[in-house]
Amino acid sequence: AEKPKPEAVGVRVVAAWSGGSADIPSSIDRVPKFTEDVKKLGVE
């Protein structure tokens, strides 16, 4: 967050690896959307 709450200060997400399990639809089907969502939050 631009102004994180005091309890959240000191840790920032900077990178992510997408992953996903092909034999669990609720996993693999959601990877593209959540990948785009975190990219928009400044995550590589």
PDB file of all heavy atoms in Angstrom:
ATOM      1  N   ALA A   1       0.832  -1.198   0.000  1.00  0.00           N
ATOM      2  CA  ALA A   1       0.000   0.000   0.000  1.00  0.00           C
ATOM      3  C   ALA A   1       0.873   1.256   0.000  1.00  0.00           C
ATOM      4  O   ALA A   1       1.984   1.270   0.551  1.00  0.00           O
ATOM      5  CB  ALA A   1      -0.914   0.004   1.215  1.00  0.00           C
ATOM      6  N   GLU A   2       0.368   2.318  -0.609  1.00  0.00           N
ATOM      7  CA  GLU A   2       1.118   3.576  -0.638  1.00  0.00           C
ATOM      8  C   GLU A   2       1.415   4.064   0.773  1.00  0.00           C
ATOM      9  O   GLU A   2       2.502   4.549   1.057  1.00  0.00           O
ATOM     10  CB  GLU A   2       0.321   4.638  -1.404  1.00  0.00           C
ATOM     11  CG  GLU A   2       1.073   5.946  -1.578  1.00  0.00           C
ATOM     12  CD  GLU A   2       0.300   6.952  -2.416  1.00  0.00           C
ATOM     13  OE1 GLU A   2      -0.717   6.557  -3.030  1.00  0.00           O
ATOM     14  OE2 GLU A   2       0.715   8.121  -2.464  1.00  0.00           O
ATOM     15  N   LYS A   3       0.438   3.904   1.651  1.00  0.00           N
ATOM     16  CA  LYS A   3       0.631   4.236   3.062  1.00  0.00           C
ATOM     17  C   LYS A   3       0.187   3.035   3.895  1.00  0.00           C
ATOM     18  O   LYS A   3      -0.924   3.006   4.425  1.00  0.00           O
ATOM     19  CB  LYS A   3      -0.167   5.478   3.443  1.00  0.00           C
ATOM     20  CG  LYS A   3       0.325   6.754   2.778  1.00  0.00           C
ATOM     21  CD  LYS A   3      -0.465   7.967   3.258  1.00  0.00           C
ATOM     22  CE  LYS A   3       0.042   9.254   2.609  1.00  0.00           C
ATOM     23  NZ  LYS A   3      -0.751  10.437   3.057  1.00  0.00           N
ATOM     24  N   PRO A   4       1.047   2.024   4.030  1.00  0.00           N
ATOM     25  CA  PRO A   4       0.647   0.825   4.772  1.00  0.00           C
ATOM     26  C   PRO A   4       0.388   1.132   6.240  1.00  0.00           C
ATOM     27  O   PRO A   4       0.952   2.078   6.802  1.00  0.00           O
ATOM     28  CB  PRO A   4       1.853  -0.103   4.604  1.00  0.00           C
ATOM     29  CG  PRO A   4       2.994   0.776   4.288  1.00  0.00           C
ATOM     30  CD  PRO A   4       2.432   1.943   3.540  1.00  0.00           C
ATOM     31  N   LYS A   5      -0.476   0.342   6.848  1.00  0.00           N
ATOM     32  CA  LYS A   5      -0.714   0.487   8.276  1.00  0.00           C
ATOM     33  C   LYS A   5       0.575   0.192   9.030  1.00  0.00           C
ATOM     34  O   LYS A   5       1.428  -0.558   8.557  1.00  0.00           O
ATOM     35  CB  LYS A   5      -1.838  -0.451   8.709  1.00  0.00           C
ATOM     36  CG  LYS A   5      -3.182  -0.089   8.106  1.00  0.00           C
ATOM     37  CD  LYS A   5      -4.280  -1.037   8.549  1.00  0.00           C
ATOM     38  CE  LYS A   5      -5.617  -0.664   7.923  1.00  0.00           C
ATOM     39  NZ  LYS A   5      -6.704  -1.584   8.332  1.00  0.00           N
ATOM     40  N   PRO A   6       0.739   0.785  10.224  1.00  0.00           N
ATOM     41  CA  PRO A   6       2.005   0.611  10.957  1.00  0.00           C
ATOM     42  C   PRO A   6       2.418  -0.847  11.118  1.00  0.00           C
ATOM     43  O   PRO A   6       3.611  -1.173  11.031  1.00  0.00           O
ATOM     44  CB  PRO A   6       1.700   1.251  12.313  1.00  0.00           C
ATOM     45  CG  PRO A   6       0.649   2.264  12.018  1.00  0.00           C
ATOM     46  CD  PRO A   6      -0.198   1.675  10.924  1.00  0.00           C
ATOM     47  N   GLU A   7       1.441  -1.732  11.322  1.00  0.00           N
ATOM     48  CA  GLU A   7       1.761  -3.145  11.527  1.00  0.00           C
ATOM     49  C   GLU A   7       2.283  -3.825  10.268  1.00  0.00           C
ATOM     50  O   GLU A   7       2.873  -4.908  10.350  1.00  0.00           O
ATOM     51  CB  GLU A   7       0.514  -3.905  12.003  1.00  0.00           C
ATOM     52  CG  GLU A   7      -0.077  -3.401  13.300  1.00  0.00           C
ATOM     53  CD  GLU A   7      -1.170  -2.363  13.078  1.00  0.00           C
ATOM     54  OE1 GLU A   7      -1.151  -1.683  12.012  1.00  0.00           O
ATOM     55  OE2 GLU A   7      -2.051  -2.246  13.953  1.00  0.00           O
ATOM     56  N   ALA A   8       2.073  -3.190   9.108  1.00  0.00           N
ATOM     57  CA  ALA A   8       2.498  -3.785   7.840  1.00  0.00           C
ATOM     58  C   ALA A   8       3.773  -3.154   7.293  1.00  0.00           C
ATOM     59  O   ALA A   8       4.286  -3.584   6.258  1.00  0.00           O
ATOM     60  CB  ALA A   8       1.383  -3.669   6.806  1.00  0.00           C
ATOM     61  N   VAL A   9       4.285  -2.160   7.976  1.00  0.00           N
ATOM     62  CA  VAL A   9       5.493  -1.473   7.508  1.00  0.00           C
ATOM     63  C   VAL A   9       6.711  -2.376   7.694  1.00  0.00           C
ATOM     64  O   VAL A   9       6.857  -3.053   8.710  1.00  0.00           O
ATOM     65  CB  VAL A   9       5.694  -0.155   8.282  1.00  0.00           C
ATOM     66  CG1 VAL A   9       7.054   0.452   7.971  1.00  0.00           C
ATOM     67  CG2 VAL A   9       4.575   0.825   7.940  1.00  0.00           C
ATOM     68  N   GLY A  10       7.575  -2.391   6.692  1.00  0.00           N
ATOM     69  CA  GLY A  10       8.836  -3.114   6.828  1.00  0.00           C
ATOM     70  C   GLY A  10       8.981  -4.324   5.947  1.00  0.00           C
ATOM     71  O   GLY A  10      10.055  -4.927   5.890  1.00  0.00           O
ATOM     72  N   VAL A  11       7.923  -4.705   5.243  1.00  0.00           N
ATOM     73  CA  VAL A  11       7.980  -5.827   4.302  1.00  0.00           C
ATOM     74  C   VAL A  11       7.243  -5.415   3.038  1.00  0.00           C
ATOM     75  O   VAL A  11       6.121  -4.899   3.111  1.00  0.00           O
ATOM     76  CB  VAL A  11       7.330  -7.101   4.886  1.00  0.00           C
ATOM     77  CG1 VAL A  11       7.326  -8.221   3.842  1.00  0.00           C
ATOM     78  CG2 VAL A  11       8.048  -7.547   6.151  1.00  0.00           C
ATOM     79  N   ARG A  12       7.864  -5.636   1.896  1.00  0.00           N
ATOM     80  CA  ARG A  12       7.254  -5.280   0.622  1.00  0.00           C
ATOM     81  C   ARG A  12       7.436  -6.420  -0.367  1.00  0.00           C
ATOM     82  O   ARG A  12       8.541  -6.960  -0.511  1.00  0.00           O
ATOM     83  CB  ARG A  12       7.873  -3.998   0.061  1.00  0.00           C
ATOM     84  CG  ARG A  12       7.195  -3.490  -1.213  1.00  0.00           C
ATOM     85  CD  ARG A  12       7.714  -2.146  -1.642  1.00  0.00           C
ATOM     86  NE  ARG A  12       7.007  -1.668  -2.833  1.00  0.00           N
ATOM     87  CZ  ARG A  12       5.839  -1.037  -2.815  1.00  0.00           C
ATOM     88  NH1 ARG A  12       5.266  -0.777  -1.649  1.00  0.00           N
ATOM     89  NH2 ARG A  12       5.244  -0.650  -3.929  1.00  0.00           N
ATOM     90  N   VAL A  13       6.357  -6.803  -1.056  1.00  0.00           N
ATOM     91  CA  VAL A  13       6.426  -7.870  -2.056  1.00  0.00           C
ATOM     92  C   VAL A  13       7.041  -7.315  -3.330  1.00  0.00           C
ATOM     93  O   VAL A  13       6.540  -6.346  -3.903  1.00  0.00           O
ATOM     94  CB  VAL A  13       5.030  -8.444  -2.355  1.00  0.00           C
ATOM     95  CG1 VAL A  13       5.136  -9.566  -3.392  1.00  0.00           C
ATOM     96  CG2 VAL A  13       4.364  -8.959  -1.077  1.00  0.00           C
ATOM     97  N   VAL A  14       8.142  -7.931  -3.775  1.00  0.00           N
ATOM     98  CA  VAL A  14       8.845  -7.423  -4.948  1.00  0.00           C
ATOM     99  C   VAL A  14       8.903  -8.419  -6.099  1.00  0.00           C
ATOM    100  O   VAL A  14       9.139  -8.023  -7.240  1.00  0.00           O
ATOM    101  CB  VAL A  14      10.283  -6.984  -4.582  1.00  0.00           C
ATOM    102  CG1 VAL A  14      10.269  -5.879  -3.535  1.00  0.00           C
ATOM    103  CG2 VAL A  14      11.128  -8.166  -4.110  1.00  0.00           C
ATOM    104  N   ALA A  15       8.713  -9.709  -5.818  1.00  0.00           N
ATOM    105  CA  ALA A  15       8.839 -10.713  -6.886  1.00  0.00           C
ATOM    106  C   ALA A  15       7.915 -11.880  -6.596  1.00  0.00           C
ATOM    107  O   ALA A  15       7.565 -12.153  -5.439  1.00  0.00           O
ATOM    108  CB  ALA A  15      10.284 -11.203  -6.998  1.00  0.00           C
ATOM    109  N   ALA A  16       7.523 -12.584  -7.664  1.00  0.00           N
ATOM    110  CA  ALA A  16       6.640 -13.742  -7.516  1.00  0.00           C
ATOM    111  C   ALA A  16       6.873 -14.731  -8.642  1.00  0.00           C
ATOM    112  O   ALA A  16       7.280 -14.354  -9.750  1.00  0.00           O
ATOM    113  CB  ALA A  16       5.178 -13.305  -7.488  1.00  0.00           C
ATOM    114  N   TRP A  17       6.611 -15.998  -8.340  1.00  0.00           N
ATOM    115  CA  TRP A  17       6.651 -17.085  -9.322  1.00  0.00           C
ATOM    116  C   TRP A  17       5.266 -17.682  -9.377  1.00  0.00           C
ATOM    117  O   TRP A  17       4.670 -18.005  -8.354  1.00  0.00           O
ATOM    118  CB  TRP A  17       7.680 -18.125  -8.910  1.00  0.00           C
ATOM    119  CG  TRP A  17       7.732 -19.331  -9.792  1.00  0.00           C
ATOM    120  CD1 TRP A  17       8.298 -19.423 -11.033  1.00  0.00           C
ATOM    121  CD2 TRP A  17       7.202 -20.630  -9.489  1.00  0.00           C
ATOM    122  NE1 TRP A  17       8.148 -20.698 -11.533  1.00  0.00           N
ATOM    123  CE2 TRP A  17       7.479 -21.459 -10.604  1.00  0.00           C
ATOM    124  CE3 TRP A  17       6.515 -21.168  -8.397  1.00  0.00           C
ATOM    125  CZ2 TRP A  17       7.096 -22.790 -10.650  1.00  0.00           C
ATOM    126  CZ3 TRP A  17       6.123 -22.500  -8.441  1.00  0.00           C
ATOM    127  CH2 TRP A  17       6.422 -23.297  -9.552  1.00  0.00           C
ATOM    128  N   SER A  18       4.713 -17.883 -10.574  1.00  0.00           N
ATOM    129  CA  SER A  18       3.291 -18.190 -10.710  1.00  0.00           C
ATOM    130  C   SER A  18       2.894 -19.592 -10.273  1.00  0.00           C
ATOM    131  O   SER A  18       1.929 -19.780  -9.545  1.00  0.00           O
ATOM    132  CB  SER A  18       2.844 -17.961 -12.157  1.00  0.00           C
ATOM    133  OG  SER A  18       2.944 -16.601 -12.495  1.00  0.00           O
ATOM    134  N   GLY A  19       3.583 -20.622 -10.748  1.00  0.00           N
ATOM    135  CA  GLY A  19       3.241 -21.986 -10.376  1.00  0.00           C
ATOM    136  C   GLY A  19       1.875 -22.414 -10.881  1.00  0.00           C
ATOM    137  O   GLY A  19       1.429 -22.028 -11.963  1.00  0.00           O
ATOM    138  N   GLY A  20       1.181 -23.225 -10.080  1.00  0.00           N
ATOM    139  CA  GLY A  20      -0.129 -23.754 -10.448  1.00  0.00           C
ATOM    140  C   GLY A  20      -0.080 -25.256 -10.669  1.00  0.00           C
ATOM    141  O   GLY A  20       0.894 -25.775 -11.213  1.00  0.00           O
ATOM    142  N   SER A  21      -1.135 -25.970 -10.237  1.00  0.00           N
ATOM    143  CA  SER A  21      -1.212 -27.425 -10.376  1.00  0.00           C
ATOM    144  C   SER A  21      -2.259 -27.784 -11.430  1.00  0.00           C
ATOM    145  O   SER A  21      -3.450 -27.496 -11.255  1.00  0.00           O
ATOM    146  CB  SER A  21      -1.585 -28.064  -9.035  1.00  0.00           C
ATOM    147  OG  SER A  21      -0.542 -27.877  -8.096  1.00  0.00           O
ATOM    148  N   ALA A  22      -1.814 -28.444 -12.497  1.00  0.00           N
ATOM    149  CA  ALA A  22      -2.682 -28.714 -13.639  1.00  0.00           C
ATOM    150  C   ALA A  22      -3.839 -29.642 -13.302  1.00  0.00           C
ATOM    151  O   ALA A  22      -4.890 -29.583 -13.955  1.00  0.00           O
ATOM    152  CB  ALA A  22      -1.858 -29.315 -14.776  1.00  0.00           C
ATOM    153  N   ASP A  23      -3.679 -30.507 -12.279  1.00  0.00           N
ATOM    154  CA  ASP A  23      -4.740 -31.453 -11.958  1.00  0.00           C
ATOM    155  C   ASP A  23      -5.702 -30.943 -10.885  1.00  0.00           C
ATOM    156  O   ASP A  23      -6.543 -31.699 -10.393  1.00  0.00           O
ATOM    157  CB  ASP A  23      -4.155 -32.808 -11.553  1.00  0.00           C
ATOM    158  CG  ASP A  23      -3.214 -32.726 -10.356  1.00  0.00           C
ATOM    159  OD1 ASP A  23      -2.870 -31.602  -9.939  1.00  0.00           O
ATOM    160  OD2 ASP A  23      -2.815 -33.792  -9.847  1.00  0.00           O
ATOM    161  N   ILE A  24      -5.587 -29.659 -10.527  1.00  0.00           N
ATOM    162  CA  ILE A  24      -6.549 -29.027  -9.624  1.00  0.00           C
ATOM    163  C   ILE A  24      -7.077 -27.776 -10.324  1.00  0.00           C
ATOM    164  O   ILE A  24      -6.407 -26.744 -10.370  1.00  0.00           O
ATOM    165  CB  ILE A  24      -5.906 -28.647  -8.274  1.00  0.00           C
ATOM    166  CG1 ILE A  24      -5.345 -29.886  -7.580  1.00  0.00           C
ATOM    167  CG2 ILE A  24      -6.934 -27.951  -7.374  1.00  0.00           C
ATOM    168  CD1 ILE A  24      -4.677 -29.594  -6.243  1.00  0.00           C
ATOM    169  N   PRO A  25      -8.258 -27.851 -10.922  1.00  0.00           N
ATOM    170  CA  PRO A  25      -8.776 -26.706 -11.686  1.00  0.00           C
ATOM    171  C   PRO A  25      -8.826 -25.403 -10.893  1.00  0.00           C
ATOM    172  O   PRO A  25      -8.542 -24.335 -11.442  1.00  0.00           O
ATOM    173  CB  PRO A  25     -10.188 -27.173 -12.084  1.00  0.00           C
ATOM    174  CG  PRO A  25     -10.079 -28.660 -12.144  1.00  0.00           C
ATOM    175  CD  PRO A  25      -9.151 -29.033 -11.031  1.00  0.00           C
ATOM    176  N   SER A  26      -9.166 -25.479  -9.609  1.00  0.00           N
ATOM    177  CA  SER A  26      -9.237 -24.256  -8.811  1.00  0.00           C
ATOM    178  C   SER A  26      -7.870 -23.641  -8.576  1.00  0.00           C
ATOM    179  O   SER A  26      -7.763 -22.500  -8.120  1.00  0.00           O
ATOM    180  CB  SER A  26      -9.905 -24.537  -7.469  1.00  0.00           C
ATOM    181  OG  SER A  26      -9.173 -25.497  -6.707  1.00  0.00           O
ATOM    182  N   SER A  27      -6.812 -24.362  -8.908  1.00  0.00           N
ATOM    183  CA  SER A  27      -5.450 -23.827  -8.867  1.00  0.00           C
ATOM    184  C   SER A  27      -5.073 -23.250 -10.230  1.00  0.00           C
ATOM    185  O   SER A  27      -4.912 -22.043 -10.386  1.00  0.00           O
ATOM    186  CB  SER A  27      -4.458 -24.920  -8.468  1.00  0.00           C
ATOM    187  OG  SER A  27      -3.126 -24.542  -8.753  1.00  0.00           O
ATOM    188  N   ILE A  28      -4.956 -24.106 -11.227  1.00  0.00           N
ATOM    189  CA  ILE A  28      -4.402 -23.678 -12.511  1.00  0.00           C
ATOM    190  C   ILE A  28      -5.270 -22.641 -13.210  1.00  0.00           C
ATOM    191  O   ILE A  28      -4.759 -21.738 -13.892  1.00  0.00           O
ATOM    192  CB  ILE A  28      -4.157 -24.907 -13.427  1.00  0.00           C
ATOM    193  CG1 ILE A  28      -3.213 -24.559 -14.565  1.00  0.00           C
ATOM    194  CG2 ILE A  28      -5.464 -25.500 -13.912  1.00  0.00           C
ATOM    195  CD1 ILE A  28      -1.800 -24.230 -14.123  1.00  0.00           C
ATOM    196  N   ASP A  29      -6.578 -22.709 -13.028  1.00  0.00           N
ATOM    197  CA  ASP A  29      -7.472 -21.789 -13.725  1.00  0.00           C
ATOM    198  C   ASP A  29      -7.367 -20.362 -13.208  1.00  0.00           C
ATOM    199  O   ASP A  29      -7.767 -19.422 -13.905  1.00  0.00           O
ATOM    200  CB  ASP A  29      -8.926 -22.260 -13.610  1.00  0.00           C
ATOM    201  CG  ASP A  29      -9.189 -23.539 -14.390  1.00  0.00           C
ATOM    202  OD1 ASP A  29      -8.304 -23.954 -15.164  1.00  0.00           O
ATOM    203  OD2 ASP A  29     -10.283 -24.127 -14.211  1.00  0.00           O
ATOM    204  N   ARG A  30      -6.840 -20.192 -12.004  1.00  0.00           N
ATOM    205  CA  ARG A  30      -6.787 -18.852 -11.419  1.00  0.00           C
ATOM    206  C   ARG A  30      -5.431 -18.171 -11.562  1.00  0.00           C
ATOM    207  O   ARG A  30      -5.290 -16.996 -11.251  1.00  0.00           O
ATOM    208  CB  ARG A  30      -7.185 -18.920  -9.937  1.00  0.00           C
ATOM    209  CG  ARG A  30      -8.626 -19.363  -9.749  1.00  0.00           C
ATOM    210  CD  ARG A  30      -9.115 -19.124  -8.342  1.00  0.00           C
ATOM    211  NE  ARG A  30      -8.533 -20.040  -7.384  1.00  0.00           N
ATOM    212  CZ  ARG A  30      -8.843 -20.040  -6.078  1.00  0.00           C
ATOM    213  NH1 ARG A  30      -9.704 -19.157  -5.602  1.00  0.00           N
ATOM    214  NH2 ARG A  30      -8.302 -20.920  -5.263  1.00  0.00           N
ATOM    215  N   VAL A  31      -4.440 -18.921 -12.028  1.00  0.00           N
ATOM    216  CA  VAL A  31      -3.092 -18.359 -12.124  1.00  0.00           C
ATOM    217  C   VAL A  31      -3.017 -17.118 -13.020  1.00  0.00           C
ATOM    218  O   VAL A  31      -2.418 -16.104 -12.630  1.00  0.00           O
ATOM    219  CB  VAL A  31      -2.088 -19.429 -12.593  1.00  0.00           C
ATOM    220  CG1 VAL A  31      -0.739 -18.803 -12.967  1.00  0.00           C
ATOM    221  CG2 VAL A  31      -1.891 -20.469 -11.501  1.00  0.00           C
ATOM    222  N   PRO A  32      -3.582 -17.129 -14.230  1.00  0.00           N
ATOM    223  CA  PRO A  32      -3.432 -15.950 -15.100  1.00  0.00           C
ATOM    224  C   PRO A  32      -3.968 -14.662 -14.478  1.00  0.00           C
ATOM    225  O   PRO A  32      -3.296 -13.615 -14.532  1.00  0.00           O
ATOM    226  CB  PRO A  32      -4.229 -16.343 -16.355  1.00  0.00           C
ATOM    227  CG  PRO A  32      -4.194 -17.834 -16.377  1.00  0.00           C
ATOM    228  CD  PRO A  32      -4.275 -18.235 -14.939  1.00  0.00           C
ATOM    229  N   LYS A  33      -5.155 -14.730 -13.873  1.00  0.00           N
ATOM    230  CA  LYS A  33      -5.731 -13.521 -13.303  1.00  0.00           C
ATOM    231  C   LYS A  33      -4.914 -13.003 -12.121  1.00  0.00           C
ATOM    232  O   LYS A  33      -4.609 -11.803 -12.034  1.00  0.00           O
ATOM    233  CB  LYS A  33      -7.165 -13.778 -12.838  1.00  0.00           C
ATOM    234  CG  LYS A  33      -7.829 -12.530 -12.242  1.00  0.00           C
ATOM    235  CD  LYS A  33      -9.222 -12.812 -11.740  1.00  0.00           C
ATOM    236  CE  LYS A  33      -9.905 -11.532 -11.263  1.00  0.00           C
ATOM    237  NZ  LYS A  33      -9.153 -10.823 -10.223  1.00  0.00           N
ATOM    238  N   PHE A  34      -4.558 -13.896 -11.198  1.00  0.00           N
ATOM    239  CA  PHE A  34      -3.823 -13.435 -10.026  1.00  0.00           C
ATOM    240  C   PHE A  34      -2.409 -12.978 -10.393  1.00  0.00           C
ATOM    241  O   PHE A  34      -1.851 -12.094  -9.733  1.00  0.00           O
ATOM    242  CB  PHE A  34      -3.793 -14.518  -8.957  1.00  0.00           C
ATOM    243  CG  PHE A  34      -5.142 -14.791  -8.327  1.00  0.00           C
ATOM    244  CD1 PHE A  34      -5.518 -16.076  -7.983  1.00  0.00           C
ATOM    245  CD2 PHE A  34      -6.036 -13.761  -8.104  1.00  0.00           C
ATOM    246  CE1 PHE A  34      -6.755 -16.332  -7.415  1.00  0.00           C
ATOM    247  CE2 PHE A  34      -7.283 -13.997  -7.539  1.00  0.00           C
ATOM    248  CZ  PHE A  34      -7.649 -15.281  -7.193  1.00  0.00           C
ATOM    249  N   THR A  35      -1.834 -13.557 -11.430  1.00  0.00           N
ATOM    250  CA  THR A  35      -0.529 -13.084 -11.908  1.00  0.00           C
ATOM    251  C   THR A  35      -0.637 -11.646 -12.397  1.00  0.00           C
ATOM    252  O   THR A  35       0.189 -10.794 -12.047  1.00  0.00           O
ATOM    253  CB  THR A  35      -0.006 -13.994 -13.029  1.00  0.00           C
ATOM    254  OG1 THR A  35       0.166 -15.325 -12.523  1.00  0.00           O
ATOM    255  CG2 THR A  35       1.320 -13.487 -13.567  1.00  0.00           C
ATOM    256  N   GLU A  36      -1.652 -11.361 -13.169  1.00  0.00           N
ATOM    257  CA  GLU A  36      -1.850  -9.989 -13.650  1.00  0.00           C
ATOM    258  C   GLU A  36      -2.161  -9.038 -12.495  1.00  0.00           C
ATOM    259  O   GLU A  36      -1.695  -7.896 -12.479  1.00  0.00           O
ATOM    260  CB  GLU A  36      -2.975  -9.950 -14.688  1.00  0.00           C
ATOM    261  CG  GLU A  36      -2.595 -10.568 -16.015  1.00  0.00           C
ATOM    262  CD  GLU A  36      -1.363  -9.921 -16.617  1.00  0.00           C
ATOM    263  OE1 GLU A  36      -1.307  -8.674 -16.674  1.00  0.00           O
ATOM    264  OE2 GLU A  36      -0.444 -10.665 -17.011  1.00  0.00           O
ATOM    265  N   ASP A  37      -2.935  -9.511 -11.531  1.00  0.00           N
ATOM    266  CA  ASP A  37      -3.299  -8.657 -10.392  1.00  0.00           C
ATOM    267  C   ASP A  37      -2.066  -8.229  -9.595  1.00  0.00           C
ATOM    268  O   ASP A  37      -1.940  -7.066  -9.215  1.00  0.00           O
ATOM    269  CB  ASP A  37      -4.277  -9.397  -9.473  1.00  0.00           C
ATOM    270  CG  ASP A  37      -5.674  -9.511 -10.068  1.00  0.00           C
ATOM    271  OD1 ASP A  37      -5.965  -8.795 -11.055  1.00  0.00           O
ATOM    272  OD2 ASP A  37      -6.464 -10.319  -9.551  1.00  0.00           O
ATOM    273  N   VAL A  38      -1.152  -9.168  -9.324  1.00  0.00           N
ATOM    274  CA  VAL A  38       0.020  -8.791  -8.527  1.00  0.00           C
ATOM    275  C   VAL A  38       1.012  -7.970  -9.355  1.00  0.00           C
ATOM    276  O   VAL A  38       1.723  -7.112  -8.806  1.00  0.00           O
ATOM    277  CB  VAL A  38       0.706 -10.005  -7.874  1.00  0.00           C
ATOM    278  CG1 VAL A  38      -0.231 -10.695  -6.897  1.00  0.00           C
ATOM    279  CG2 VAL A  38       1.240 -10.981  -8.889  1.00  0.00           C
ATOM    280  N   LYS A  39       1.064  -8.209 -10.671  1.00  0.00           N
ATOM    281  CA  LYS A  39       1.912  -7.366 -11.522  1.00  0.00           C
ATOM    282  C   LYS A  39       1.479  -5.908 -11.431  1.00  0.00           C
ATOM    283  O   LYS A  39       2.316  -4.995 -11.381  1.00  0.00           O
ATOM    284  CB  LYS A  39       1.845  -7.844 -12.973  1.00  0.00           C
ATOM    285  CG  LYS A  39       2.675  -9.084 -13.261  1.00  0.00           C
ATOM    286  CD  LYS A  39       2.440  -9.596 -14.669  1.00  0.00           C
ATOM    287  CE  LYS A  39       2.952  -8.656 -15.725  1.00  0.00           C
ATOM    288  NZ  LYS A  39       2.788  -9.222 -17.092  1.00  0.00           N
ATOM    289  N   LYS A  40       0.177  -5.676 -11.382  1.00  0.00           N
ATOM    290  CA  LYS A  40      -0.342  -4.308 -11.283  1.00  0.00           C
ATOM    291  C   LYS A  40       0.012  -3.659  -9.946  1.00  0.00           C
ATOM    292  O   LYS A  40      -0.051  -2.431  -9.808  1.00  0.00           O
ATOM    293  CB  LYS A  40      -1.860  -4.321 -11.471  1.00  0.00           C
ATOM    294  CG  LYS A  40      -2.290  -4.687 -12.878  1.00  0.00           C
ATOM    295  CD  LYS A  40      -3.808  -4.819 -12.969  1.00  0.00           C
ATOM    296  CE  LYS A  40      -4.243  -5.266 -14.354  1.00  0.00           C
ATOM    297  NZ  LYS A  40      -5.720  -5.480 -14.438  1.00  0.00           N
ATOM    298  N   LEU A  41       0.389  -4.474  -8.970  1.00  0.00           N
ATOM    299  CA  LEU A  41       0.771  -3.957  -7.662  1.00  0.00           C
ATOM    300  C   LEU A  41       2.282  -3.779  -7.544  1.00  0.00           C
ATOM    301  O   LEU A  41       2.812  -3.592  -6.447  1.00  0.00           O
ATOM    302  CB  LEU A  41       0.260  -4.904  -6.569  1.00  0.00           C
ATOM    303  CG  LEU A  41      -1.271  -4.997  -6.457  1.00  0.00           C
ATOM    304  CD1 LEU A  41      -1.677  -6.137  -5.531  1.00  0.00           C
ATOM    305  CD2 LEU A  41      -1.856  -3.677  -5.960  1.00  0.00           C
ATOM    306  N   GLY A  42       2.969  -3.841  -8.680  1.00  0.00           N
ATOM    307  CA  GLY A  42       4.404  -3.552  -8.697  1.00  0.00           C
ATOM    308  C   GLY A  42       5.299  -4.746  -8.451  1.00  0.00           C
ATOM    309  O   GLY A  42       6.475  -4.577  -8.114  1.00  0.00           O
ATOM    310  N   VAL A  43       4.775  -5.956  -8.652  1.00  0.00           N
ATOM    311  CA  VAL A  43       5.543  -7.171  -8.376  1.00  0.00           C
ATOM    312  C   VAL A  43       6.112  -7.737  -9.671  1.00  0.00           C
ATOM    313  O   VAL A  43       5.390  -7.897 -10.662  1.00  0.00           O
ATOM    314  CB  VAL A  43       4.656  -8.219  -7.690  1.00  0.00           C
ATOM    315  CG1 VAL A  43       5.412  -9.520  -7.466  1.00  0.00           C
ATOM    316  CG2 VAL A  43       4.114  -7.671  -6.368  1.00  0.00           C
ATOM    317  N   GLU A  44       7.397  -8.066  -9.662  1.00  0.00           N
ATOM    318  CA  GLU A  44       8.053  -8.675 -10.821  1.00  0.00           C
ATOM    319  C   GLU A  44       7.734 -10.171 -10.858  1.00  0.00           C
ATOM    320  O   GLU A  44       7.846 -10.868  -9.848  1.00  0.00           O
ATOM    321  CB  GLU A  44       9.561  -8.490 -10.729  1.00  0.00           C
ATOM    322  CG  GLU A  44      10.342  -9.155 -11.853  1.00  0.00           C
ATOM    323  CD  GLU A  44      11.848  -9.106 -11.651  1.00  0.00           C
ATOM    324  OE1 GLU A  44      12.308  -8.578 -10.614  1.00  0.00           O
ATOM    325  OE2 GLU A  44      12.569  -9.623 -12.538  1.00  0.00           O
TER     326      GLU A  44
END
